Structure formats: C-alpha cells, structure tokens
C-alpha atoms as a PDB file:
ATOM      1  CA  MET A   1      -8.488  12.512   6.205  1.00  0.00           C
ATOM      2  CA  LYS A   2      -7.301  10.480   3.111  1.00  0.00           C
ATOM      3  CA  ARG A   3      -7.151   6.832   2.334  1.00  0.00           C
ATOM      4  CA  ILE A   4      -3.963   5.819   0.704  1.00  0.00           C
ATOM      5  CA  GLU A   5      -4.123   2.436  -1.290  1.00  0.00           C
ATOM      6  CA  ALA A   6      -0.918   1.105  -2.619  1.00  0.00           C
ATOM      7  CA  ILE A   7      -0.515  -2.035  -4.703  1.00  0.00           C
ATOM      8  CA  ILE A   8       3.029  -3.105  -4.520  1.00  0.00           C
ATOM      9  CA  ARG A   9       5.360  -6.147  -5.268  1.00  0.00           C
ATOM     10  CA  LYS A  10       5.200  -8.944  -2.706  1.00  0.00           C
ATOM     11  CA  THR A  11       8.997  -8.855  -2.572  1.00  0.00           C
ATOM     12  CA  LYS A  12       8.991  -5.294  -1.348  1.00  0.00           C
ATOM     13  CA  PHE A  13       6.181  -5.780   1.345  1.00  0.00           C
ATOM     14  CA  GLU A  14       8.429  -6.430   4.357  1.00  0.00           C
ATOM     15  CA  ASP A  15      10.634  -3.361   3.554  1.00  0.00           C
ATOM     16  CA  VAL A  16       7.629  -1.067   2.977  1.00  0.00           C
ATOM     17  CA  LYS A  17       5.997  -2.387   6.255  1.00  0.00           C
ATOM     18  CA  GLU A  18       9.099  -1.630   8.199  1.00  0.00           C
ATOM     19  CA  ALA A  19       9.553   1.803   6.708  1.00  0.00           C
ATOM     20  CA  LEU A  20       5.806   2.735   7.507  1.00  0.00           C
ATOM     21  CA  LEU A  21       6.235   1.478  11.011  1.00  0.00           C
ATOM     22  CA  GLN A  22       9.379   3.703  11.468  1.00  0.00           C
ATOM     23  CA  SER A  23       7.393   6.560  10.134  1.00  0.00           C
ATOM     24  CA  ASP A  24       4.355   8.029  11.797  1.00  0.00           C
ATOM     25  CA  ILE A  25       2.141   5.370  10.465  1.00  0.00           C
ATOM     26  CA  ASP A  26       1.378   2.718  13.120  1.00  0.00           C
ATOM     27  CA  TRP A  27      -1.681   1.051  11.660  1.00  0.00           C
ATOM     28  CA  PHE A  28      -2.556  -0.242   8.200  1.00  0.00           C
ATOM     29  CA  GLU A  29      -4.217  -3.232   6.764  1.00  0.00           C
ATOM     30  CA  TYR A  30      -2.828  -5.343   3.944  1.00  0.00           C
ATOM     31  CA  HIS A  31      -3.845  -8.345   1.896  1.00  0.00           C
ATOM     32  CA  ASN A  32      -2.710 -10.344  -1.031  1.00  0.00           C
ATOM     33  CA  VAL A  33      -4.207  -9.505  -4.394  1.00  0.00           C
ATOM     34  CA  HIS A  34      -4.128 -10.744  -7.971  1.00  0.00           C
ATOM     35  CA  GLY A  35      -4.343  -8.345 -10.863  1.00  0.00           C
ATOM     36  CA  ILE A  36      -3.602  -8.029 -14.562  1.00  0.00           C
ATOM     37  CA  GLY A  37      -0.984  -5.738 -15.690  1.00  0.00           C
ATOM     38  CA  GLN A  38       0.144  -4.283 -18.919  1.00  0.00           C
ATOM     39  CA  SER A  39       2.825  -6.904 -19.491  1.00  0.00           C
ATOM     40  CA  ARG A  40       1.373  -9.936 -21.396  1.00  0.00           C
ATOM     41  CA  GLU A  41       4.613 -11.790 -22.042  1.00  0.00           C
ATOM     42  CA  GLU A  42       5.435 -15.480 -21.446  1.00  0.00           C
ATOM     43  CA  ARG A  43       8.530 -16.353 -19.366  1.00  0.00           C
ATOM     44  CA  ILE A  44      10.450 -19.607 -19.020  1.00  0.00           C
ATOM     45  CA  TYR A  45      11.710 -20.687 -15.641  1.00  0.00           C
ATOM     46  CA  ARG A  46      13.598 -23.904 -15.296  1.00  0.00           C
ATOM     47  CA  GLY A  47      12.178 -25.094 -18.599  1.00  0.00           C
ATOM     48  CA  VAL A  48       8.533 -24.387 -17.612  1.00  0.00           C
ATOM     49  CA  GLN A  49       6.611 -21.645 -19.523  1.00  0.00           C
ATOM     50  CA  TYR A  50       4.709 -19.244 -17.294  1.00  0.00           C
ATOM     51  CA  SER A  51       2.246 -16.547 -18.286  1.00  0.00           C
ATOM     52  CA  THR A  52       2.697 -13.056 -16.746  1.00  0.00           C
ATOM     53  CA  ASP A  53      -0.967 -12.054 -17.292  1.00  0.00           C
ATOM     54  CA  VAL A  54      -1.960 -12.482 -13.628  1.00  0.00           C
ATOM     55  CA  ILE A  55       0.393 -10.893 -11.115  1.00  0.00           C
ATOM     56  CA  GLU A  56       0.433 -11.291  -7.421  1.00  0.00           C
ATOM     57  CA  ARG A  57       0.805  -8.221  -5.318  1.00  0.00           C
ATOM     58  CA  VAL A  58       0.126  -6.933  -1.915  1.00  0.00           C
ATOM     59  CA  ALA A  59      -2.583  -4.174  -1.307  1.00  0.00           C
ATOM     60  CA  LEU A  60      -1.961  -1.757   1.589  1.00  0.00           C
ATOM     61  CA  SER A  61      -4.854   0.439   2.943  1.00  0.00           C
ATOM     62  CA  ILE A  62      -3.794   3.396   5.158  1.00  0.00           C
ATOM     63  CA  VAL A  63      -6.076   6.087   6.521  1.00  0.00           C
ATOM     64  CA  CYS A  64      -4.275   9.039   7.794  1.00  0.00           C
ATOM     65  CA  ARG A  65      -4.634  12.769   8.503  1.00  0.00           C
ATOM     66  CA  ASP A  66      -4.025  15.237   5.735  1.00  0.00           C
ATOM     67  CA  PRO A  67      -0.556  16.314   6.929  1.00  0.00           C
ATOM     68  CA  LEU A  68       0.687  12.738   6.915  1.00  0.00           C
ATOM     69  CA  VAL A  69      -0.390  11.925   3.174  1.00  0.00           C
ATOM     70  CA  GLU A  70       2.719  13.334   1.334  1.00  0.00           C
ATOM     71  CA  PRO A  71       5.231  11.671   3.893  1.00  0.00           C
ATOM     72  CA  THR A  72       3.455   8.456   3.713  1.00  0.00           C
ATOM     73  CA  VAL A  73       3.350   8.332  -0.109  1.00  0.00           C
ATOM     74  CA  LYS A  74       6.989   9.229  -0.199  1.00  0.00           C
ATOM     75  CA  VAL A  75       7.858   6.316   2.066  1.00  0.00           C
ATOM     76  CA  ILE A  76       6.044   3.990  -0.135  1.00  0.00           C
ATOM     77  CA  LEU A  77       7.542   5.456  -3.432  1.00  0.00           C
ATOM     78  CA  ASP A  78      11.057   5.318  -2.032  1.00  0.00           C
ATOM     79  CA  VAL A  79      11.051   1.820  -0.651  1.00  0.00           C
ATOM     80  CA  ALA A  80       8.795   0.024  -3.154  1.00  0.00           C
ATOM     81  CA  HIS A  81      10.597   1.414  -6.170  1.00  0.00           C
ATOM     82  CA  THR A  82      12.753  -1.003  -8.358  1.00  0.00           C
ATOM     83  CA  GLY A  83      12.541   0.835 -11.646  1.00  0.00           C
ATOM     84  CA  GLU A  84      11.061  -2.175 -13.422  1.00  0.00           C
ATOM     85  CA  VAL A  85       7.720  -2.579 -14.958  1.00  0.00           C
ATOM     86  CA  GLY A  86       5.251  -3.886 -12.336  1.00  0.00           C
ATOM     87  CA  ASP A  87       6.299  -1.824  -9.282  1.00  0.00           C
ATOM     88  CA  GLY A  88       2.715  -0.952  -8.602  1.00  0.00           C
ATOM     89  CA  ARG A  89       0.346   1.978  -8.060  1.00  0.00           C
ATOM     90  CA  ILE A  90      -0.720   4.279  -5.280  1.00  0.00           C
ATOM     91  CA  PHE A  91      -4.188   5.754  -5.108  1.00  0.00           C
ATOM     92  CA  VAL A  92      -5.267   8.565  -2.647  1.00  0.00           C
ATOM     93  CA  SER A  93      -8.906   9.319  -1.905  1.00  0.00           C
ATOM     94  CA  GLU A  94     -10.834  11.570   0.391  1.00  0.00           C
ATOM     95  CA  MET A  95     -12.349   9.962   3.563  1.00  0.00           C
ATOM     96  CA  ILE A  96     -15.590  11.390   4.672  1.00  0.00           C
ATOM     97  CA  ASP A  97     -15.629  10.325   8.216  1.00  0.00           C
ATOM     98  CA  THR A  98     -14.471   7.489  10.590  1.00  0.00           C
ATOM     99  CA  TRP A  99     -15.765   6.007  13.881  1.00  0.00           C
ATOM    100  CA  SER A 100     -14.208   4.167  16.705  1.00  0.00           C
ATOM    101  CA  ILE A 101     -16.326   1.063  17.403  1.00  0.00           C
ATOM    102  CA  ARG A 102     -15.013   0.795  20.944  1.00  0.00           C
ATOM    103  CA  THR A 103     -15.578   4.507  22.098  1.00  0.00           C
ATOM    104  CA  GLY A 104     -18.062   5.823  19.501  1.00  0.00           C
ATOM    105  CA  GLU A 105     -15.799   8.677  18.832  1.00  0.00           C
ATOM    106  CA  HIS A 106     -15.720  10.001  15.185  1.00  0.00           C
ATOM    107  CA  GLY A 107     -13.698  12.386  12.987  1.00  0.00           C
ATOM    108  CA  ASP A 108     -10.020  12.557  12.547  1.00  0.00           C
ATOM    109  CA  THR A 109      -9.482  12.575  16.357  1.00  0.00           C
ATOM    110  CA  VAL A 110      -9.992   8.739  16.006  1.00  0.00           C
ATOM    111  CA  LEU A 111      -6.687   8.692  14.289  1.00  0.00           C
ATOM    112  CA  LYS A 112      -4.220   9.181  17.233  1.00  0.00           C
ATOM    113  CA  ASP A 113      -0.804  10.760  16.685  1.00  0.00           C
ATOM    114  CA  LYS A 114       2.191   8.823  17.964  1.00  0.00           C
ATOM    115  CA  LYS A 115       3.515  11.893  19.671  1.00  0.00           C
END
C-alpha cells in the first residue's frame, strides 16, 4: 500500500477529482492548504499589488494498493498540468497498515476494488 499526496492548483481540483473518480480511485480526502513556493514576485491586479509569497492550493491524500499507484499518479500529472510555475507536487510514501474502524479488518483488503 502507498499514500499519494498531491498538492495542486485550486483551479484544477474539480478536473482532477472527476478524473480520479472515473479511474479506479473512489475514495480520497482533500483540504485547502497554504504554502510558500519558489516564486516571490509581486503582481498587480486591477491596480492593487499582491504578493505571491503565500499560495493557496488543494492537498489530496489517496491510499491505494501498489498496482494503482502509477495509474493514479499519471491521472494527476495529466490533468493538473498547466506547464506554468506552481503546478504543484506529488509525494508517494509507504503505508505500513490500515484498519477498518467499522469491521476491525486490517491490511490492504480494507481497500476494496471497484470490480
């Protein structure tokens, strides 16, 4: 099992969500996050100067079986990509175990396949 954490643009969230739901990923969590990126420039919008130090993004957290890691990462890369600075990051880490609170079952069998 692996945990995939993706930090993406807010404007790409709905597209990524739909793409994940159309693939074999039927559960994930997400939340709004703030971060500091590499860009430190000032921008002017309608005469008001804004700092780009703090950027708003959406963080996705997905736990899946090993065979679904590459397809899931590919979906996120394909859909969240704009080619501009600030597209985000994807992190993949090992999961030791998981439990179902309702059934007490544990291991990757808790992660049900759609099929």
